[in-house]
Amino acid sequence: MEHVSEALTFFVVFLFSTTLHEAAHAWAALKGGDRTAYEGGQVSLDPRPHIKREPFGMVILPLLSALATGWPMGYASAPYNVAWARAFPRRAAWMALAGPGANLLLAVIAALALRGGEIAGVFYAPESIRFGDIAGSDAGVLWQSAGRLLSAFFSMNLLLMVFNLLPFPPLDGSAAITLLMDRGTTTKYQEFIWSTPILGVVGLFAAWQMFDYVFRPFFVIAVNLVFSGANYG
């Protein structure tokens, strides 16, 4: 029963975090002049329009994987106008960064809540940490549950941010890196990415293979910043 409860917690956190991620993409695109996602109803924290676009990636796959493995795997997407991205590549790059930025915001909020709980004496840094379990509590069942929920929010949003910032198509980082290019290079890069669909498959495989090497040290450093005096290695 505890496994099911933990899996459902991770699923709810994934659903909320992914909804905010995609809503941030849609909002940034709208502010940049592309109404595509807005007209699809995705400038919203209501998960329903996002689920309607990707029901398998946002509900079925993450729920099944959470119940099977303990944590969810899934995907989502926000539509955008390719012609707009071609005409305004820097706006498109900022639109790509908005999703991971939303996840960073949620991770920071969770971290501040955990630090506040430490100051109040209801949370402490445990002897060891793992994904989704970074806060100990001796203050009762409710605070233990709150610590697990905040740990899940912190861990999941850190993961979503880091994974999506990897510079491989179709991840957000592959669009964001155009901020480092001049206009001519950006145009050639965009056309190459858009005209070579197989790069999406290759990119996801490369990101999957690399991710643990990137995320684990990043995760440990981030947790060390949450609690005063923490020194996880």
C-alpha atoms as a PDB file:
ATOM      1  CA  MET A   1       0.000   0.000   0.000  1.00  0.00           C
ATOM      2  CA  GLU A   2       2.889   2.380   0.750  1.00  0.00           C
ATOM      3  CA  HIS A   3       4.295   1.716  -2.731  1.00  0.00           C
ATOM      4  CA  VAL A   4       0.961   2.636  -4.337  1.00  0.00           C
ATOM      5  CA  SER A   5       0.692   5.802  -2.224  1.00  0.00           C
ATOM      6  CA  GLU A   6       4.209   6.893  -3.195  1.00  0.00           C
ATOM      7  CA  ALA A   7       3.564   6.109  -6.875  1.00  0.00           C
ATOM      8  CA  LEU A   8       0.340   8.125  -6.901  1.00  0.00           C
ATOM      9  CA  THR A   9       2.101  11.043  -5.180  1.00  0.00           C
ATOM     10  CA  PHE A  10       4.782  11.047  -7.857  1.00  0.00           C
ATOM     11  CA  PHE A  11       2.127  10.840 -10.573  1.00  0.00           C
ATOM     12  CA  VAL A  12       0.215  13.849  -9.206  1.00  0.00           C
ATOM     13  CA  VAL A  13       3.466  15.825  -8.876  1.00  0.00           C
ATOM     14  CA  PHE A  14       4.426  14.866 -12.445  1.00  0.00           C
ATOM     15  CA  LEU A  15       1.017  15.886 -13.799  1.00  0.00           C
ATOM     16  CA  PHE A  16       1.059  19.277 -12.061  1.00  0.00           C
ATOM     17  CA  SER A  17       4.708  19.976 -12.916  1.00  0.00           C
ATOM     18  CA  THR A  18       4.310  18.998 -16.567  1.00  0.00           C
ATOM     19  CA  THR A  19       1.165  21.109 -16.858  1.00  0.00           C
ATOM     20  CA  LEU A  20       3.047  24.156 -15.561  1.00  0.00           C
ATOM     21  CA  HIS A  21       5.966  23.374 -17.893  1.00  0.00           C
ATOM     22  CA  GLU A  22       3.750  23.316 -20.979  1.00  0.00           C
ATOM     23  CA  ALA A  23       1.672  26.288 -19.846  1.00  0.00           C
ATOM     24  CA  ALA A  24       4.910  28.269 -19.520  1.00  0.00           C
ATOM     25  CA  HIS A  25       5.882  27.343 -23.096  1.00  0.00           C
ATOM     26  CA  ALA A  26       2.437  28.403 -24.316  1.00  0.00           C
ATOM     27  CA  TRP A  27       2.485  31.678 -22.349  1.00  0.00           C
ATOM     28  CA  ALA A  28       5.975  32.597 -23.571  1.00  0.00           C
ATOM     29  CA  ALA A  29       4.974  31.854 -27.166  1.00  0.00           C
ATOM     30  CA  LEU A  30       1.867  34.041 -26.785  1.00  0.00           C
ATOM     31  CA  LYS A  31       3.945  36.902 -25.397  1.00  0.00           C
ATOM     32  CA  GLY A  32       6.341  36.426 -28.324  1.00  0.00           C
ATOM     33  CA  GLY A  33       3.557  36.645 -30.899  1.00  0.00           C
ATOM     34  CA  ASP A  34       2.589  33.002 -31.532  1.00  0.00           C
ATOM     35  CA  ARG A  35      -1.048  32.270 -30.569  1.00  0.00           C
ATOM     36  CA  THR A  36      -0.990  28.592 -31.586  1.00  0.00           C
ATOM     37  CA  ALA A  37      -0.850  27.055 -28.102  1.00  0.00           C
ATOM     38  CA  TYR A  38      -3.063  29.796 -26.660  1.00  0.00           C
ATOM     39  CA  GLU A  39      -5.801  28.972 -29.147  1.00  0.00           C
ATOM     40  CA  GLY A  40      -5.460  25.325 -28.124  1.00  0.00           C
ATOM     41  CA  GLY A  41      -6.233  26.315 -24.534  1.00  0.00           C
ATOM     42  CA  GLN A  42      -2.746  25.570 -23.221  1.00  0.00           C
ATOM     43  CA  VAL A  43      -2.031  28.900 -21.559  1.00  0.00           C
ATOM     44  CA  SER A  44      -3.655  27.351 -18.513  1.00  0.00           C
ATOM     45  CA  LEU A  45      -2.842  25.531 -15.283  1.00  0.00           C
ATOM     46  CA  ASP A  46      -5.866  23.327 -15.938  1.00  0.00           C
ATOM     47  CA  PRO A  47      -4.311  19.984 -16.922  1.00  0.00           C
ATOM     48  CA  ARG A  48      -7.227  19.000 -19.177  1.00  0.00           C
ATOM     49  CA  PRO A  49      -6.167  20.784 -22.404  1.00  0.00           C
ATOM     50  CA  HIS A  50      -2.630  19.443 -21.940  1.00  0.00           C
ATOM     51  CA  ILE A  51      -3.933  15.914 -21.302  1.00  0.00           C
ATOM     52  CA  LYS A  52      -6.222  16.201 -24.336  1.00  0.00           C
ATOM     53  CA  ARG A  53      -3.161  16.862 -26.515  1.00  0.00           C
ATOM     54  CA  GLU A  54      -1.028  14.059 -25.019  1.00  0.00           C
ATOM     55  CA  PRO A  55      -3.278  11.616 -23.087  1.00  0.00           C
ATOM     56  CA  PHE A  56      -0.828   8.718 -23.318  1.00  0.00           C
ATOM     57  CA  GLY A  57       2.240  10.743 -22.363  1.00  0.00           C
ATOM     58  CA  MET A  58       0.620  12.679 -19.521  1.00  0.00           C
ATOM     59  CA  VAL A  59      -1.660  10.069 -17.936  1.00  0.00           C
ATOM     60  CA  ILE A  60      -1.409   6.490 -19.141  1.00  0.00           C
ATOM     61  CA  LEU A  61       2.381   6.082 -19.403  1.00  0.00           C
ATOM     62  CA  PRO A  62       3.330   8.021 -16.240  1.00  0.00           C
ATOM     63  CA  LEU A  63       0.638   6.327 -14.156  1.00  0.00           C
ATOM     64  CA  LEU A  64       1.589   2.827 -15.299  1.00  0.00           C
ATOM     65  CA  SER A  65       5.329   3.484 -14.936  1.00  0.00           C
ATOM     66  CA  ALA A  66       4.832   5.011 -11.472  1.00  0.00           C
ATOM     67  CA  LEU A  67       2.924   1.951 -10.295  1.00  0.00           C
ATOM     68  CA  ALA A  68       5.467  -0.409 -11.895  1.00  0.00           C
ATOM     69  CA  THR A  69       8.729   1.288 -10.954  1.00  0.00           C
ATOM     70  CA  GLY A  70       7.845   3.808  -8.242  1.00  0.00           C
ATOM     71  CA  TRP A  71       8.285   6.943 -10.327  1.00  0.00           C
ATOM     72  CA  PRO A  72       6.654   8.219 -13.538  1.00  0.00           C
ATOM     73  CA  MET A  73       7.977   8.453 -17.064  1.00  0.00           C
ATOM     74  CA  GLY A  74       6.021  10.482 -19.572  1.00  0.00           C
ATOM     75  CA  TYR A  75       5.974  13.369 -21.996  1.00  0.00           C
ATOM     76  CA  ALA A  76       3.920  16.354 -23.096  1.00  0.00           C
ATOM     77  CA  SER A  77       4.063  19.038 -25.742  1.00  0.00           C
ATOM     78  CA  ALA A  78       2.851  22.497 -26.630  1.00  0.00           C
ATOM     79  CA  PRO A  79       2.258  23.341 -30.312  1.00  0.00           C
ATOM     80  CA  TYR A  80       3.948  26.285 -31.954  1.00  0.00           C
ATOM     81  CA  ASN A  81       4.045  27.858 -35.389  1.00  0.00           C
ATOM     82  CA  VAL A  82       7.240  26.855 -37.237  1.00  0.00           C
ATOM     83  CA  ALA A  83       6.985  29.927 -39.456  1.00  0.00           C
ATOM     84  CA  TRP A  84       6.934  32.096 -36.320  1.00  0.00           C
ATOM     85  CA  ALA A  85       9.977  30.286 -34.899  1.00  0.00           C
ATOM     86  CA  ARG A  86      11.786  30.730 -38.208  1.00  0.00           C
ATOM     87  CA  ALA A  87      10.991  34.459 -38.310  1.00  0.00           C
ATOM     88  CA  PHE A  88      11.729  35.077 -34.618  1.00  0.00           C
ATOM     89  CA  PRO A  89      14.306  32.508 -33.528  1.00  0.00           C
ATOM     90  CA  ARG A  90      15.294  34.317 -30.331  1.00  0.00           C
ATOM     91  CA  ARG A  91      11.683  34.483 -29.198  1.00  0.00           C
ATOM     92  CA  ALA A  92      11.375  30.779 -29.973  1.00  0.00           C
ATOM     93  CA  ALA A  93      14.492  30.089 -27.911  1.00  0.00           C
ATOM     94  CA  TRP A  94      13.073  31.947 -24.919  1.00  0.00           C
ATOM     95  CA  MET A  95       9.823  30.060 -25.388  1.00  0.00           C
ATOM     96  CA  ALA A  96      11.822  26.815 -25.159  1.00  0.00           C
ATOM     97  CA  LEU A  97      13.530  27.987 -21.956  1.00  0.00           C
ATOM     98  CA  ALA A  98      10.224  28.926 -20.329  1.00  0.00           C
ATOM     99  CA  GLY A  99       9.282  25.290 -19.637  1.00  0.00           C
ATOM    100  CA  PRO A 100      12.462  24.361 -17.720  1.00  0.00           C
ATOM    101  CA  GLY A 101      12.260  27.783 -16.074  1.00  0.00           C
ATOM    102  CA  ALA A 102       8.854  26.870 -14.660  1.00  0.00           C
ATOM    103  CA  ASN A 103      10.290  23.643 -13.268  1.00  0.00           C
ATOM    104  CA  LEU A 104      13.161  25.577 -11.704  1.00  0.00           C
ATOM    105  CA  LEU A 105      10.628  27.871 -10.026  1.00  0.00           C
ATOM    106  CA  LEU A 106       8.761  24.902  -8.514  1.00  0.00           C
ATOM    107  CA  ALA A 107      12.018  23.306  -7.343  1.00  0.00           C
ATOM    108  CA  VAL A 108      13.085  26.572  -5.675  1.00  0.00           C
ATOM    109  CA  ILE A 109       9.694  26.944  -3.956  1.00  0.00           C
ATOM    110  CA  ALA A 110       9.960  23.386  -2.617  1.00  0.00           C
ATOM    111  CA  ALA A 111      13.544  24.019  -1.491  1.00  0.00           C
ATOM    112  CA  LEU A 112      12.542  27.205   0.348  1.00  0.00           C
ATOM    113  CA  ALA A 113       9.687  25.365   2.068  1.00  0.00           C
ATOM    114  CA  LEU A 114      12.075  22.612   3.160  1.00  0.00           C
ATOM    115  CA  ARG A 115      14.623  25.156   4.421  1.00  0.00           C
ATOM    116  CA  GLY A 116      11.840  26.965   6.277  1.00  0.00           C
ATOM    117  CA  GLY A 117      10.800  23.661   7.815  1.00  0.00           C
ATOM    118  CA  GLU A 118      14.375  23.031   8.895  1.00  0.00           C
ATOM    119  CA  ILE A 119      14.523  26.456  10.574  1.00  0.00           C
ATOM    120  CA  ALA A 120      11.193  25.709  12.279  1.00  0.00           C
ATOM    121  CA  GLY A 121      12.526  22.361  13.480  1.00  0.00           C
ATOM    122  CA  VAL A 122      10.093  20.117  11.605  1.00  0.00           C
ATOM    123  CA  PHE A 123      12.474  18.913   8.862  1.00  0.00           C
ATOM    124  CA  TYR A 124      16.084  17.802   8.951  1.00  0.00           C
ATOM    125  CA  ALA A 125      18.661  16.469   6.514  1.00  0.00           C
ATOM    126  CA  PRO A 126      18.582  12.640   6.724  1.00  0.00           C
ATOM    127  CA  GLU A 127      21.715  10.472   6.807  1.00  0.00           C
ATOM    128  CA  SER A 128      21.226   9.495   3.167  1.00  0.00           C
ATOM    129  CA  ILE A 129      19.134  10.800   0.305  1.00  0.00           C
ATOM    130  CA  ARG A 130      17.473   9.373  -2.762  1.00  0.00           C
ATOM    131  CA  PHE A 131      15.271  10.761  -5.515  1.00  0.00           C
ATOM    132  CA  GLY A 132      12.024  11.907  -3.905  1.00  0.00           C
ATOM    133  CA  ASP A 133      13.251  11.369  -0.350  1.00  0.00           C
ATOM    134  CA  ILE A 134      15.451  14.217   0.862  1.00  0.00           C
ATOM    135  CA  ALA A 135      13.773  15.365   4.102  1.00  0.00           C
ATOM    136  CA  GLY A 136      13.473  13.664   7.468  1.00  0.00           C
ATOM    137  CA  SER A 137      10.974  14.626  10.169  1.00  0.00           C
ATOM    138  CA  ASP A 138      10.253  13.633  13.761  1.00  0.00           C
ATOM    139  CA  ALA A 139       7.368  16.069  14.075  1.00  0.00           C
ATOM    140  CA  GLY A 140       4.545  13.628  13.378  1.00  0.00           C
ATOM    141  CA  VAL A 141       2.800  11.933  10.483  1.00  0.00           C
ATOM    142  CA  LEU A 142       1.503  15.117   8.855  1.00  0.00           C
ATOM    143  CA  TRP A 143       4.962  16.703   8.711  1.00  0.00           C
ATOM    144  CA  GLN A 144       6.464  13.444   7.447  1.00  0.00           C
ATOM    145  CA  SER A 145       3.880  13.431   4.644  1.00  0.00           C
ATOM    146  CA  ALA A 146       4.584  17.095   3.904  1.00  0.00           C
ATOM    147  CA  GLY A 147       8.306  16.319   3.734  1.00  0.00           C
ATOM    148  CA  ARG A 148       7.705  13.509   1.242  1.00  0.00           C
ATOM    149  CA  LEU A 149       5.479  15.724  -0.914  1.00  0.00           C
ATOM    150  CA  LEU A 150       8.001  18.581  -0.946  1.00  0.00           C
ATOM    151  CA  SER A 151      10.802  16.082  -1.642  1.00  0.00           C
ATOM    152  CA  ALA A 152       8.840  14.762  -4.611  1.00  0.00           C
ATOM    153  CA  PHE A 153       8.206  18.283  -5.959  1.00  0.00           C
ATOM    154  CA  PHE A 154      11.850  19.244  -5.540  1.00  0.00           C
ATOM    155  CA  SER A 155      13.218  16.053  -7.124  1.00  0.00           C
ATOM    156  CA  MET A 156      10.741  15.812  -9.997  1.00  0.00           C
ATOM    157  CA  ASN A 157      11.083  19.433 -11.051  1.00  0.00           C
ATOM    158  CA  LEU A 158      14.855  19.310 -10.804  1.00  0.00           C
ATOM    159  CA  LEU A 159      14.763  16.247 -13.063  1.00  0.00           C
ATOM    160  CA  LEU A 160      12.398  17.856 -15.581  1.00  0.00           C
ATOM    161  CA  MET A 161      14.517  20.999 -15.708  1.00  0.00           C
ATOM    162  CA  VAL A 162      17.858  19.232 -16.186  1.00  0.00           C
ATOM    163  CA  PHE A 163      16.558  16.659 -18.669  1.00  0.00           C
ATOM    164  CA  ASN A 164      14.816  19.211 -20.849  1.00  0.00           C
ATOM    165  CA  LEU A 165      17.871  21.472 -20.909  1.00  0.00           C
ATOM    166  CA  LEU A 166      20.058  18.788 -22.477  1.00  0.00           C
ATOM    167  CA  PRO A 167      20.959  20.122 -25.957  1.00  0.00           C
ATOM    168  CA  PHE A 168      19.497  17.240 -27.960  1.00  0.00           C
ATOM    169  CA  PRO A 169      16.402  17.450 -30.189  1.00  0.00           C
ATOM    170  CA  PRO A 170      13.521  17.358 -29.462  1.00  0.00           C
ATOM    171  CA  LEU A 171      14.346  18.610 -25.940  1.00  0.00           C
ATOM    172  CA  ASP A 172      14.061  22.289 -25.050  1.00  0.00           C
ATOM    173  CA  GLY A 173      17.807  22.702 -24.762  1.00  0.00           C
ATOM    174  CA  SER A 174      18.219  22.017 -28.461  1.00  0.00           C
ATOM    175  CA  ALA A 175      16.200  25.158 -29.246  1.00  0.00           C
ATOM    176  CA  ALA A 176      17.587  27.255 -26.405  1.00  0.00           C
ATOM    177  CA  ILE A 177      21.180  26.934 -27.629  1.00  0.00           C
ATOM    178  CA  THR A 178      20.327  29.139 -30.611  1.00  0.00           C
ATOM    179  CA  LEU A 179      20.652  32.058 -28.176  1.00  0.00           C
ATOM    180  CA  LEU A 180      24.404  31.426 -28.495  1.00  0.00           C
ATOM    181  CA  MET A 181      24.351  31.544 -32.323  1.00  0.00           C
ATOM    182  CA  ASP A 182      24.226  34.335 -34.851  1.00  0.00           C
ATOM    183  CA  ARG A 183      21.192  34.647 -37.124  1.00  0.00           C
ATOM    184  CA  GLY A 184      22.721  32.839 -40.101  1.00  0.00           C
ATOM    185  CA  THR A 185      23.893  29.869 -38.054  1.00  0.00           C
ATOM    186  CA  THR A 186      20.538  29.715 -36.276  1.00  0.00           C
ATOM    187  CA  THR A 187      18.656  29.522 -39.588  1.00  0.00           C
ATOM    188  CA  LYS A 188      20.835  26.682 -40.876  1.00  0.00           C
ATOM    189  CA  TYR A 189      20.567  24.860 -37.551  1.00  0.00           C
ATOM    190  CA  GLN A 190      16.771  25.180 -37.423  1.00  0.00           C
ATOM    191  CA  GLU A 191      16.323  23.921 -40.962  1.00  0.00           C
ATOM    192  CA  PHE A 192      18.627  20.975 -40.297  1.00  0.00           C
ATOM    193  CA  ILE A 193      16.689  20.007 -37.158  1.00  0.00           C
ATOM    194  CA  TRP A 194      13.273  20.404 -38.764  1.00  0.00           C
ATOM    195  CA  SER A 195      14.219  18.550 -41.945  1.00  0.00           C
ATOM    196  CA  THR A 196      15.761  15.560 -40.136  1.00  0.00           C
ATOM    197  CA  PRO A 197      13.044  13.910 -38.002  1.00  0.00           C
ATOM    198  CA  ILE A 198      15.280  10.958 -37.077  1.00  0.00           C
ATOM    199  CA  LEU A 199      17.305  13.370 -34.945  1.00  0.00           C
ATOM    200  CA  GLY A 200      14.474  13.287 -32.425  1.00  0.00           C
ATOM    201  CA  VAL A 201      14.912   9.564 -31.868  1.00  0.00           C
ATOM    202  CA  VAL A 202      18.714   9.817 -31.798  1.00  0.00           C
ATOM    203  CA  GLY A 203      18.538  12.802 -29.460  1.00  0.00           C
ATOM    204  CA  LEU A 204      16.257  11.075 -26.967  1.00  0.00           C
ATOM    205  CA  PHE A 205      18.491   8.005 -26.949  1.00  0.00           C
ATOM    206  CA  ALA A 206      21.591  10.145 -26.347  1.00  0.00           C
ATOM    207  CA  ALA A 207      19.845  12.120 -23.600  1.00  0.00           C
ATOM    208  CA  TRP A 208      18.688   8.910 -21.900  1.00  0.00           C
ATOM    209  CA  GLN A 209      22.205   7.473 -21.950  1.00  0.00           C
ATOM    210  CA  MET A 210      23.826  10.654 -20.650  1.00  0.00           C
ATOM    211  CA  PHE A 211      21.216  11.774 -18.165  1.00  0.00           C
ATOM    212  CA  ASP A 212      22.240   9.854 -15.055  1.00  0.00           C
ATOM    213  CA  TYR A 213      25.836  11.066 -15.344  1.00  0.00           C
ATOM    214  CA  VAL A 214      24.601  14.659 -15.517  1.00  0.00           C
ATOM    215  CA  PHE A 215      21.708  14.536 -13.069  1.00  0.00           C
ATOM    216  CA  ARG A 216      23.158  12.642 -10.111  1.00  0.00           C
ATOM    217  CA  PRO A 217      25.926  15.148  -9.226  1.00  0.00           C
ATOM    218  CA  PHE A 218      23.548  18.039  -9.954  1.00  0.00           C
ATOM    219  CA  PHE A 219      20.942  16.497  -7.636  1.00  0.00           C
ATOM    220  CA  VAL A 220      23.444  16.019  -4.799  1.00  0.00           C
ATOM    221  CA  ILE A 221      24.742  19.593  -5.083  1.00  0.00           C
ATOM    222  CA  ALA A 222      21.181  20.941  -5.120  1.00  0.00           C
ATOM    223  CA  VAL A 223      20.182  18.981  -1.993  1.00  0.00           C
ATOM    224  CA  ASN A 224      23.313  20.222  -0.218  1.00  0.00           C
ATOM    225  CA  LEU A 225      22.058  23.757  -0.882  1.00  0.00           C
ATOM    226  CA  VAL A 226      18.626  22.993   0.608  1.00  0.00           C
ATOM    227  CA  PHE A 227      19.770  22.120   4.135  1.00  0.00           C
ATOM    228  CA  SER A 228      22.296  24.091   6.147  1.00  0.00           C
ATOM    229  CA  GLY A 229      25.388  22.060   6.869  1.00  0.00           C
ATOM    230  CA  ALA A 230      24.437  19.208   4.504  1.00  0.00           C
ATOM    231  CA  ASN A 231      27.417  17.524   2.871  1.00  0.00           C
ATOM    232  CA  TYR A 232      26.184  14.631   0.760  1.00  0.00           C
ATOM    233  CA  GLY A 233      28.697  13.095  -1.608  1.00  0.00           C
END
